[in-house]
PDB file of all heavy atoms in Angstrom:
ATOM      1  N   ARG A   1      -0.006   1.178  16.138  1.00  0.00           N
ATOM      2  CA  ARG A   1      -0.311   0.523  14.880  1.00  0.00           C
ATOM      3  C   ARG A   1      -0.211   1.542  13.745  1.00  0.00           C
ATOM      4  O   ARG A   1      -0.719   2.660  13.859  1.00  0.00           O
ATOM      5  CB  ARG A   1      -1.710  -0.093  14.929  1.00  0.00           C
ATOM      6  CG  ARG A   1      -2.021  -1.003  13.754  1.00  0.00           C
ATOM      7  CD  ARG A   1      -3.341  -1.748  13.952  1.00  0.00           C
ATOM      8  NE  ARG A   1      -3.302  -2.608  15.132  1.00  0.00           N
ATOM      9  CZ  ARG A   1      -4.268  -3.445  15.479  1.00  0.00           C
ATOM     10  NH1 ARG A   1      -5.367  -3.542  14.720  1.00  0.00           N
ATOM     11  NH2 ARG A   1      -4.162  -4.180  16.571  1.00  0.00           N
ATOM     12  N   GLU A   2       0.443   1.152  12.654  1.00  0.00           N
ATOM     13  CA  GLU A   2       0.670   2.067  11.555  1.00  0.00           C
ATOM     14  C   GLU A   2       0.248   1.462  10.220  1.00  0.00           C
ATOM     15  O   GLU A   2       0.264   0.245  10.035  1.00  0.00           O
ATOM     16  CB  GLU A   2       2.147   2.476  11.482  1.00  0.00           C
ATOM     17  CG  GLU A   2       3.091   1.324  11.173  1.00  0.00           C
ATOM     18  CD  GLU A   2       4.538   1.757  11.027  1.00  0.00           C
ATOM     19  OE1 GLU A   2       4.806   2.970  11.042  1.00  0.00           O
ATOM     20  OE2 GLU A   2       5.412   0.864  10.900  1.00  0.00           O
ATOM     21  N   LEU A   3      -0.112   2.339   9.302  1.00  0.00           N
ATOM     22  CA  LEU A   3      -0.486   1.914   7.960  1.00  0.00           C
ATOM     23  C   LEU A   3       0.733   1.407   7.211  1.00  0.00           C
ATOM     24  O   LEU A   3       1.804   2.012   7.275  1.00  0.00           O
ATOM     25  CB  LEU A   3      -1.125   3.077   7.198  1.00  0.00           C
ATOM     26  CG  LEU A   3      -1.595   2.810   5.769  1.00  0.00           C
ATOM     27  CD1 LEU A   3      -2.830   3.649   5.457  1.00  0.00           C
ATOM     28  CD2 LEU A   3      -0.489   3.146   4.765  1.00  0.00           C
ATOM     29  N   VAL A   4       0.558   0.298   6.504  1.00  0.00           N
ATOM     30  CA  VAL A   4       1.583  -0.230   5.615  1.00  0.00           C
ATOM     31  C   VAL A   4       1.200   0.043   4.166  1.00  0.00           C
ATOM     32  O   VAL A   4       1.967   0.635   3.408  1.00  0.00           O
ATOM     33  CB  VAL A   4       1.811  -1.735   5.832  1.00  0.00           C
ATOM     34  CG1 VAL A   4       2.823  -2.284   4.824  1.00  0.00           C
ATOM     35  CG2 VAL A   4       2.277  -2.008   7.256  1.00  0.00           C
ATOM     36  N   ALA A   5       0.008  -0.403   3.773  1.00  0.00           N
ATOM     37  CA  ALA A   5      -0.461  -0.219   2.405  1.00  0.00           C
ATOM     38  C   ALA A   5      -1.960  -0.399   2.343  1.00  0.00           C
ATOM     39  O   ALA A   5      -2.534  -1.159   3.120  1.00  0.00           O
ATOM     40  CB  ALA A   5       0.222  -1.209   1.453  1.00  0.00           C
ATOM     41  N   THR A   6      -2.610   0.296   1.406  1.00  0.00           N
ATOM     42  CA  THR A   6      -4.041   0.128   1.171  1.00  0.00           C
ATOM     43  C   THR A   6      -4.302   0.022  -0.323  1.00  0.00           C
ATOM     44  O   THR A   6      -3.512   0.487  -1.143  1.00  0.00           O
ATOM     45  CB  THR A   6      -4.876   1.298   1.730  1.00  0.00           C
ATOM     46  OG1 THR A   6      -4.481   2.519   1.101  1.00  0.00           O
ATOM     47  CG2 THR A   6      -4.706   1.412   3.238  1.00  0.00           C
ATOM     48  N   ILE A   7      -5.443  -0.575  -0.657  1.00  0.00           N
ATOM     49  CA  ILE A   7      -5.872  -0.661  -2.048  1.00  0.00           C
ATOM     50  C   ILE A   7      -7.379  -0.483  -2.094  1.00  0.00           C
ATOM     51  O   ILE A   7      -8.124  -1.127  -1.353  1.00  0.00           O
ATOM     52  CB  ILE A   7      -5.420  -1.988  -2.705  1.00  0.00           C
ATOM     53  CG1 ILE A   7      -5.806  -2.018  -4.191  1.00  0.00           C
ATOM     54  CG2 ILE A   7      -5.974  -3.195  -1.954  1.00  0.00           C
ATOM     55  CD1 ILE A   7      -5.109  -3.133  -4.965  1.00  0.00           C
ATOM     56  N   THR A   8      -7.855   0.414  -2.962  1.00  0.00           N
ATOM     57  CA  THR A   8      -9.278   0.687  -3.075  1.00  0.00           C
ATOM     58  C   THR A   8      -9.937  -0.299  -4.024  1.00  0.00           C
ATOM     59  O   THR A   8      -9.276  -1.085  -4.701  1.00  0.00           O
ATOM     60  CB  THR A   8      -9.529   2.112  -3.579  1.00  0.00           C
ATOM     61  OG1 THR A   8      -9.104   2.211  -4.948  1.00  0.00           O
ATOM     62  CG2 THR A   8      -8.770   3.133  -2.741  1.00  0.00           C
ATOM     63  N   SER A   9     -11.282  -0.229  -4.090  1.00  0.00           N
ATOM     64  CA  SER A   9     -12.017  -1.071  -5.020  1.00  0.00           C
ATOM     65  C   SER A   9     -11.650  -0.754  -6.464  1.00  0.00           C
ATOM     66  O   SER A   9     -11.771  -1.617  -7.337  1.00  0.00           O
ATOM     67  CB  SER A   9     -13.521  -0.906  -4.815  1.00  0.00           C
ATOM     68  OG  SER A   9     -13.928   0.441  -5.015  1.00  0.00           O
ATOM     69  N   GLY A  10     -11.209   0.474  -6.722  1.00  0.00           N
ATOM     70  CA  GLY A  10     -10.790   0.872  -8.052  1.00  0.00           C
ATOM     71  C   GLY A  10      -9.344   0.563  -8.370  1.00  0.00           C
ATOM     72  O   GLY A  10      -8.887   0.833  -9.488  1.00  0.00           O
ATOM     73  N   GLY A  11      -8.613   0.019  -7.406  1.00  0.00           N
ATOM     74  CA  GLY A  11      -7.234  -0.381  -7.636  1.00  0.00           C
ATOM     75  C   GLY A  11      -6.189   0.640  -7.259  1.00  0.00           C
ATOM     76  O   GLY A  11      -4.993   0.396  -7.467  1.00  0.00           O
ATOM     77  N   SER A  12      -6.594   1.780  -6.709  1.00  0.00           N
ATOM     78  CA  SER A  12      -5.620   2.775  -6.273  1.00  0.00           C
ATOM     79  C   SER A  12      -4.899   2.285  -5.030  1.00  0.00           C
ATOM     80  O   SER A  12      -5.523   1.752  -4.112  1.00  0.00           O
ATOM     81  CB  SER A  12      -6.300   4.105  -5.980  1.00  0.00           C
ATOM     82  OG  SER A  12      -6.889   4.644  -7.154  1.00  0.00           O
ATOM     83  N   THR A  13      -3.593   2.468  -4.990  1.00  0.00           N
ATOM     84  CA  THR A  13      -2.786   1.994  -3.869  1.00  0.00           C
ATOM     85  C   THR A  13      -2.116   3.148  -3.140  1.00  0.00           C
ATOM     86  O   THR A  13      -1.868   4.214  -3.713  1.00  0.00           O
ATOM     87  CB  THR A  13      -1.712   1.004  -4.332  1.00  0.00           C
ATOM     88  OG1 THR A  13      -0.881   1.629  -5.321  1.00  0.00           O
ATOM     89  CG2 THR A  13      -2.355  -0.237  -4.933  1.00  0.00           C
ATOM     90  N   ASN A  14      -1.825   2.906  -1.878  1.00  0.00           N
ATOM     91  CA  ASN A  14      -1.131   3.864  -1.039  1.00  0.00           C
ATOM     92  C   ASN A  14      -0.177   3.094  -0.143  1.00  0.00           C
ATOM     93  O   ASN A  14      -0.552   2.072   0.418  1.00  0.00           O
ATOM     94  CB  ASN A  14      -2.128   4.672  -0.198  1.00  0.00           C
ATOM     95  CG  ASN A  14      -1.454   5.717   0.654  1.00  0.00           C
ATOM     96  OD1 ASN A  14      -0.644   6.491   0.166  1.00  0.00           O
ATOM     97  ND2 ASN A  14      -1.790   5.759   1.936  1.00  0.00           N
ATOM     98  N   TYR A  15       1.054   3.598  -0.001  1.00  0.00           N
ATOM     99  CA  TYR A  15       2.078   2.925   0.777  1.00  0.00           C
ATOM    100  C   TYR A  15       2.722   3.865   1.773  1.00  0.00           C
ATOM    101  O   TYR A  15       2.893   5.053   1.511  1.00  0.00           O
ATOM    102  CB  TYR A  15       3.191   2.370  -0.118  1.00  0.00           C
ATOM    103  CG  TYR A  15       2.758   1.313  -1.090  1.00  0.00           C
ATOM    104  CD1 TYR A  15       2.357   1.641  -2.377  1.00  0.00           C
ATOM    105  CD2 TYR A  15       2.768  -0.032  -0.729  1.00  0.00           C
ATOM    106  CE1 TYR A  15       1.968   0.666  -3.275  1.00  0.00           C
ATOM    107  CE2 TYR A  15       2.379  -1.011  -1.623  1.00  0.00           C
ATOM    108  CZ  TYR A  15       1.984  -0.658  -2.896  1.00  0.00           C
ATOM    109  OH  TYR A  15       1.601  -1.635  -3.792  1.00  0.00           O
ATOM    110  N   ALA A  16       3.097   3.306   2.916  1.00  0.00           N
ATOM    111  CA  ALA A  16       3.933   4.049   3.840  1.00  0.00           C
ATOM    112  C   ALA A  16       5.292   4.289   3.187  1.00  0.00           C
ATOM    113  O   ALA A  16       5.790   3.449   2.435  1.00  0.00           O
ATOM    114  CB  ALA A  16       4.107   3.275   5.142  1.00  0.00           C
ATOM    115  N   ASP A  17       5.895   5.440   3.476  1.00  0.00           N
ATOM    116  CA  ASP A  17       7.189   5.762   2.884  1.00  0.00           C
ATOM    117  C   ASP A  17       8.242   4.693   3.190  1.00  0.00           C
ATOM    118  O   ASP A  17       9.117   4.411   2.367  1.00  0.00           O
ATOM    119  CB  ASP A  17       7.682   7.116   3.384  1.00  0.00           C
ATOM    120  CG  ASP A  17       6.896   8.273   2.797  1.00  0.00           C
ATOM    121  OD1 ASP A  17       6.214   8.087   1.768  1.00  0.00           O
ATOM    122  OD2 ASP A  17       6.965   9.379   3.373  1.00  0.00           O
ATOM    123  N   SER A  18       8.147   4.086   4.354  1.00  0.00           N
ATOM    124  CA  SER A  18       9.143   3.122   4.785  1.00  0.00           C
ATOM    125  C   SER A  18       9.140   1.826   3.976  1.00  0.00           C
ATOM    126  O   SER A  18      10.115   1.076   4.021  1.00  0.00           O
ATOM    127  CB  SER A  18       8.958   2.794   6.268  1.00  0.00           C
ATOM    128  OG  SER A  18       7.676   2.251   6.506  1.00  0.00           O
ATOM    129  N   VAL A  19       8.050   1.561   3.247  1.00  0.00           N
ATOM    130  CA  VAL A  19       7.957   0.306   2.499  1.00  0.00           C
ATOM    131  C   VAL A  19       7.861   0.509   0.997  1.00  0.00           C
ATOM    132  O   VAL A  19       7.864  -0.477   0.242  1.00  0.00           O
ATOM    133  CB  VAL A  19       6.761  -0.554   2.975  1.00  0.00           C
ATOM    134  CG1 VAL A  19       6.820  -0.764   4.483  1.00  0.00           C
ATOM    135  CG2 VAL A  19       5.435   0.066   2.559  1.00  0.00           C
ATOM    136  N   LYS A  20       7.798   1.748   0.536  1.00  0.00           N
ATOM    137  CA  LYS A  20       7.708   2.014  -0.897  1.00  0.00           C
ATOM    138  C   LYS A  20       8.908   1.416  -1.632  1.00  0.00           C
ATOM    139  O   LYS A  20      10.041   1.557  -1.203  1.00  0.00           O
ATOM    140  CB  LYS A  20       7.633   3.511  -1.162  1.00  0.00           C
ATOM    141  CG  LYS A  20       6.281   4.124  -0.861  1.00  0.00           C
ATOM    142  CD  LYS A  20       6.260   5.609  -1.189  1.00  0.00           C
ATOM    143  CE  LYS A  20       4.896   6.208  -0.923  1.00  0.00           C
ATOM    144  NZ  LYS A  20       4.866   7.666  -1.182  1.00  0.00           N
ATOM    145  N   GLY A  21       8.616   0.754  -2.736  1.00  0.00           N
ATOM    146  CA  GLY A  21       9.658   0.120  -3.524  1.00  0.00           C
ATOM    147  C   GLY A  21      10.008  -1.277  -3.072  1.00  0.00           C
ATOM    148  O   GLY A  21      10.726  -1.992  -3.788  1.00  0.00           O
ATOM    149  N   ARG A  22       9.525  -1.678  -1.897  1.00  0.00           N
ATOM    150  CA  ARG A  22       9.818  -3.011  -1.378  1.00  0.00           C
ATOM    151  C   ARG A  22       8.566  -3.879  -1.245  1.00  0.00           C
ATOM    152  O   ARG A  22       8.632  -5.087  -1.460  1.00  0.00           O
ATOM    153  CB  ARG A  22      10.493  -2.919  -0.005  1.00  0.00           C
ATOM    154  CG  ARG A  22      11.829  -2.174  -0.022  1.00  0.00           C
ATOM    155  CD  ARG A  22      12.547  -2.303   1.314  1.00  0.00           C
ATOM    156  NE  ARG A  22      11.781  -1.704   2.409  1.00  0.00           N
ATOM    157  CZ  ARG A  22      11.366  -2.369   3.482  1.00  0.00           C
ATOM    158  NH1 ARG A  22      11.645  -3.661   3.619  1.00  0.00           N
ATOM    159  NH2 ARG A  22      10.691  -1.741   4.440  1.00  0.00           N
ATOM    160  N   PHE A  23       7.447  -3.263  -0.870  1.00  0.00           N
ATOM    161  CA  PHE A  23       6.196  -3.993  -0.661  1.00  0.00           C
ATOM    162  C   PHE A  23       5.220  -3.692  -1.787  1.00  0.00           C
ATOM    163  O   PHE A  23       5.199  -2.579  -2.332  1.00  0.00           O
ATOM    164  CB  PHE A  23       5.537  -3.591   0.656  1.00  0.00           C
ATOM    165  CG  PHE A  23       6.270  -4.021   1.894  1.00  0.00           C
ATOM    166  CD1 PHE A  23       7.551  -4.550   1.841  1.00  0.00           C
ATOM    167  CD2 PHE A  23       5.659  -3.899   3.132  1.00  0.00           C
ATOM    168  CE1 PHE A  23       8.221  -4.943   2.990  1.00  0.00           C
ATOM    169  CE2 PHE A  23       6.314  -4.286   4.290  1.00  0.00           C
ATOM    170  CZ  PHE A  23       7.585  -4.806   4.219  1.00  0.00           C
ATOM    171  N   THR A  24       4.385  -4.665  -2.116  1.00  0.00           N
ATOM    172  CA  THR A  24       3.347  -4.489  -3.125  1.00  0.00           C
ATOM    173  C   THR A  24       2.036  -5.070  -2.614  1.00  0.00           C
ATOM    174  O   THR A  24       1.990  -6.241  -2.221  1.00  0.00           O
ATOM    175  CB  THR A  24       3.713  -5.170  -4.453  1.00  0.00           C
ATOM    176  OG1 THR A  24       4.948  -4.642  -4.938  1.00  0.00           O
ATOM    177  CG2 THR A  24       2.627  -4.925  -5.492  1.00  0.00           C
ATOM    178  N   ILE A  25       0.981  -4.261  -2.612  1.00  0.00           N
ATOM    179  CA  ILE A  25      -0.335  -4.737  -2.231  1.00  0.00           C
ATOM    180  C   ILE A  25      -1.139  -5.011  -3.502  1.00  0.00           C
ATOM    181  O   ILE A  25      -1.029  -4.282  -4.487  1.00  0.00           O
ATOM    182  CB  ILE A  25      -1.068  -3.726  -1.326  1.00  0.00           C
ATOM    183  CG1 ILE A  25      -2.362  -4.329  -0.768  1.00  0.00           C
ATOM    184  CG2 ILE A  25      -1.334  -2.412  -2.053  1.00  0.00           C
ATOM    185  CD1 ILE A  25      -3.013  -3.475   0.314  1.00  0.00           C
ATOM    186  N   SER A  26      -1.931  -6.067  -3.485  1.00  0.00           N
ATOM    187  CA  SER A  26      -2.722  -6.419  -4.649  1.00  0.00           C
ATOM    188  C   SER A  26      -3.979  -7.166  -4.234  1.00  0.00           C
ATOM    189  O   SER A  26      -4.038  -7.758  -3.146  1.00  0.00           O
ATOM    190  CB  SER A  26      -1.911  -7.274  -5.628  1.00  0.00           C
ATOM    191  OG  SER A  26      -1.515  -8.494  -5.031  1.00  0.00           O
ATOM    192  N   ARG A  27      -4.992  -7.120  -5.096  1.00  0.00           N
ATOM    193  CA  ARG A  27      -6.199  -7.909  -4.892  1.00  0.00           C
ATOM    194  C   ARG A  27      -6.089  -9.197  -5.690  1.00  0.00           C
ATOM    195  O   ARG A  27      -5.563  -9.212  -6.799  1.00  0.00           O
ATOM    196  CB  ARG A  27      -7.431  -7.125  -5.312  1.00  0.00           C
ATOM    197  CG  ARG A  27      -7.786  -5.972  -4.380  1.00  0.00           C
ATOM    198  CD  ARG A  27      -9.070  -5.297  -4.826  1.00  0.00           C
ATOM    199  NE  ARG A  27      -9.429  -4.173  -3.952  1.00  0.00           N
ATOM    200  CZ  ARG A  27     -10.218  -4.281  -2.885  1.00  0.00           C
ATOM    201  NH1 ARG A  27     -10.746  -5.448  -2.550  1.00  0.00           N
ATOM    202  NH2 ARG A  27     -10.481  -3.206  -2.152  1.00  0.00           N
TER     203      ARG A  27
END
């Protein structure tokens, strides 16, 4: 199992290199 994307309570996001520019995480 691998990380795809995360988003903190403050709105900071983190993406796996393989999905950057293609995937968007949002609350």
